[in-house]
Amino acid sequence: MTYKLSMICSEQDNGAYFAMCPEIKGCFTQGDTYEEAVTGLKDLVEATIKEEILQGEIPDVLMSKSKIFREFEISV
């Protein structure tokens, strides 16, 4: 089964990259490059979902049929 999830990835002051999946609590990682952070996050999300399914728990976010993600800007 294929799931569409979102990812937030940002470059840190030390040059490393931080990536997280906001739909799955506690799923975040970092890497020395953008690609390393993205790959690490995908692997972590996949392992987390597989483990939850094996335990008979399906994350609520995966049961939702549709999601809307939008970007927005604010000025302060």
C-alpha atoms as a PDB file:
ATOM      1  CA  MET A   1       0.000   0.000   0.000  1.00  0.00           C
ATOM      2  CA  THR A   2       1.218   3.488  -0.772  1.00  0.00           C
ATOM      3  CA  TYR A   3       0.749   6.402   1.619  1.00  0.00           C
ATOM      4  CA  LYS A   4       1.253  10.078   0.872  1.00  0.00           C
ATOM      5  CA  LEU A   5       2.820  11.884   3.801  1.00  0.00           C
ATOM      6  CA  SER A   6       4.410  15.270   4.179  1.00  0.00           C
ATOM      7  CA  MET A   7       7.974  16.141   5.042  1.00  0.00           C
ATOM      8  CA  ILE A   8       9.566  19.249   6.440  1.00  0.00           C
ATOM      9  CA  CYS A   9      13.283  19.596   5.782  1.00  0.00           C
ATOM     10  CA  SER A  10      15.453  22.488   6.829  1.00  0.00           C
ATOM     11  CA  GLU A  11      19.126  23.310   6.748  1.00  0.00           C
ATOM     12  CA  GLN A  12      20.598  23.953  10.183  1.00  0.00           C
ATOM     13  CA  ASP A  13      23.238  26.523  11.117  1.00  0.00           C
ATOM     14  CA  ASN A  14      25.929  23.827  11.229  1.00  0.00           C
ATOM     15  CA  GLY A  15      25.241  22.828   7.606  1.00  0.00           C
ATOM     16  CA  ALA A  16      23.392  19.626   8.511  1.00  0.00           C
ATOM     17  CA  TYR A  17      19.790  18.990   7.427  1.00  0.00           C
ATOM     18  CA  PHE A  18      16.870  18.186   9.722  1.00  0.00           C
ATOM     19  CA  ALA A  19      13.847  16.323   8.337  1.00  0.00           C
ATOM     20  CA  MET A  20      10.559  15.408   9.978  1.00  0.00           C
ATOM     21  CA  CYS A  21       7.200  13.860   9.115  1.00  0.00           C
ATOM     22  CA  PRO A  22       4.576  15.858  11.046  1.00  0.00           C
ATOM     23  CA  GLU A  23       1.890  13.202  10.647  1.00  0.00           C
ATOM     24  CA  ILE A  24       3.814  10.606  12.633  1.00  0.00           C
ATOM     25  CA  LYS A  25       4.767  11.639  16.141  1.00  0.00           C
ATOM     26  CA  GLY A  26       8.476  11.362  16.836  1.00  0.00           C
ATOM     27  CA  CYS A  27       9.555  10.753  13.224  1.00  0.00           C
ATOM     28  CA  PHE A  28      12.509  13.031  12.619  1.00  0.00           C
ATOM     29  CA  THR A  29      16.118  12.636  11.604  1.00  0.00           C
ATOM     30  CA  GLN A  30      19.072  14.591  10.336  1.00  0.00           C
ATOM     31  CA  GLY A  31      21.844  14.128   7.805  1.00  0.00           C
ATOM     32  CA  ASP A  32      24.941  15.800   6.489  1.00  0.00           C
ATOM     33  CA  THR A  33      23.178  16.385   3.141  1.00  0.00           C
ATOM     34  CA  TYR A  34      19.581  16.976   2.053  1.00  0.00           C
ATOM     35  CA  GLU A  35      19.474  13.582   0.338  1.00  0.00           C
ATOM     36  CA  GLU A  36      20.807  11.824   3.436  1.00  0.00           C
ATOM     37  CA  ALA A  37      18.151  13.449   5.636  1.00  0.00           C
ATOM     38  CA  VAL A  38      15.338  12.578   3.197  1.00  0.00           C
ATOM     39  CA  THR A  39      16.481   8.963   2.815  1.00  0.00           C
ATOM     40  CA  GLY A  40      16.829   8.597   6.580  1.00  0.00           C
ATOM     41  CA  LEU A  41      13.331   9.988   7.134  1.00  0.00           C
ATOM     42  CA  LYS A  42      11.762   7.688   4.534  1.00  0.00           C
ATOM     43  CA  ASP A  43      13.454   4.676   6.125  1.00  0.00           C
ATOM     44  CA  LEU A  44      12.328   5.742   9.602  1.00  0.00           C
ATOM     45  CA  VAL A  45       8.715   6.369   8.538  1.00  0.00           C
ATOM     46  CA  GLU A  46       8.552   3.026   6.729  1.00  0.00           C
ATOM     47  CA  ALA A  47       9.932   1.149   9.743  1.00  0.00           C
ATOM     48  CA  THR A  48       7.560   2.972  12.111  1.00  0.00           C
ATOM     49  CA  ILE A  49       4.490   2.206  10.011  1.00  0.00           C
ATOM     50  CA  LYS A  50       5.475  -1.454   9.556  1.00  0.00           C
ATOM     51  CA  GLU A  51       6.006  -1.850  13.308  1.00  0.00           C
ATOM     52  CA  GLU A  52       2.661  -0.270  14.160  1.00  0.00           C
ATOM     53  CA  ILE A  53       0.862  -2.479  11.641  1.00  0.00           C
ATOM     54  CA  LEU A  54       2.589  -5.583  13.059  1.00  0.00           C
ATOM     55  CA  GLN A  55       1.381  -4.591  16.516  1.00  0.00           C
ATOM     56  CA  GLY A  56      -2.166  -4.278  15.197  1.00  0.00           C
ATOM     57  CA  GLU A  57      -2.131  -0.501  15.366  1.00  0.00           C
ATOM     58  CA  ILE A  58      -2.719   1.553  12.266  1.00  0.00           C
ATOM     59  CA  PRO A  59      -1.848   5.230  12.676  1.00  0.00           C
ATOM     60  CA  ASP A  60      -4.910   7.470  12.371  1.00  0.00           C
ATOM     61  CA  VAL A  61      -3.186   9.588   9.745  1.00  0.00           C
ATOM     62  CA  LEU A  62      -2.975   6.572   7.448  1.00  0.00           C
ATOM     63  CA  MET A  63      -6.705   5.965   7.694  1.00  0.00           C
ATOM     64  CA  SER A  64      -7.591   9.435   6.398  1.00  0.00           C
ATOM     65  CA  LYS A  65      -8.634   9.412   2.761  1.00  0.00           C
ATOM     66  CA  SER A  66      -7.700  12.981   1.962  1.00  0.00           C
ATOM     67  CA  LYS A  67      -5.416  15.609   3.323  1.00  0.00           C
ATOM     68  CA  ILE A  68      -4.790  19.175   2.307  1.00  0.00           C
ATOM     69  CA  PHE A  69      -1.368  20.671   2.873  1.00  0.00           C
ATOM     70  CA  ARG A  70      -0.759  24.276   2.079  1.00  0.00           C
ATOM     71  CA  GLU A  71       2.103  26.627   2.513  1.00  0.00           C
ATOM     72  CA  PHE A  72       1.537  30.114   3.787  1.00  0.00           C
ATOM     73  CA  GLU A  73       3.582  33.133   4.713  1.00  0.00           C
ATOM     74  CA  ILE A  74       3.298  35.647   7.501  1.00  0.00           C
ATOM     75  CA  SER A  75       5.094  38.891   8.078  1.00  0.00           C
ATOM     76  CA  VAL A  76       5.665  40.196  11.566  1.00  0.00           C
END
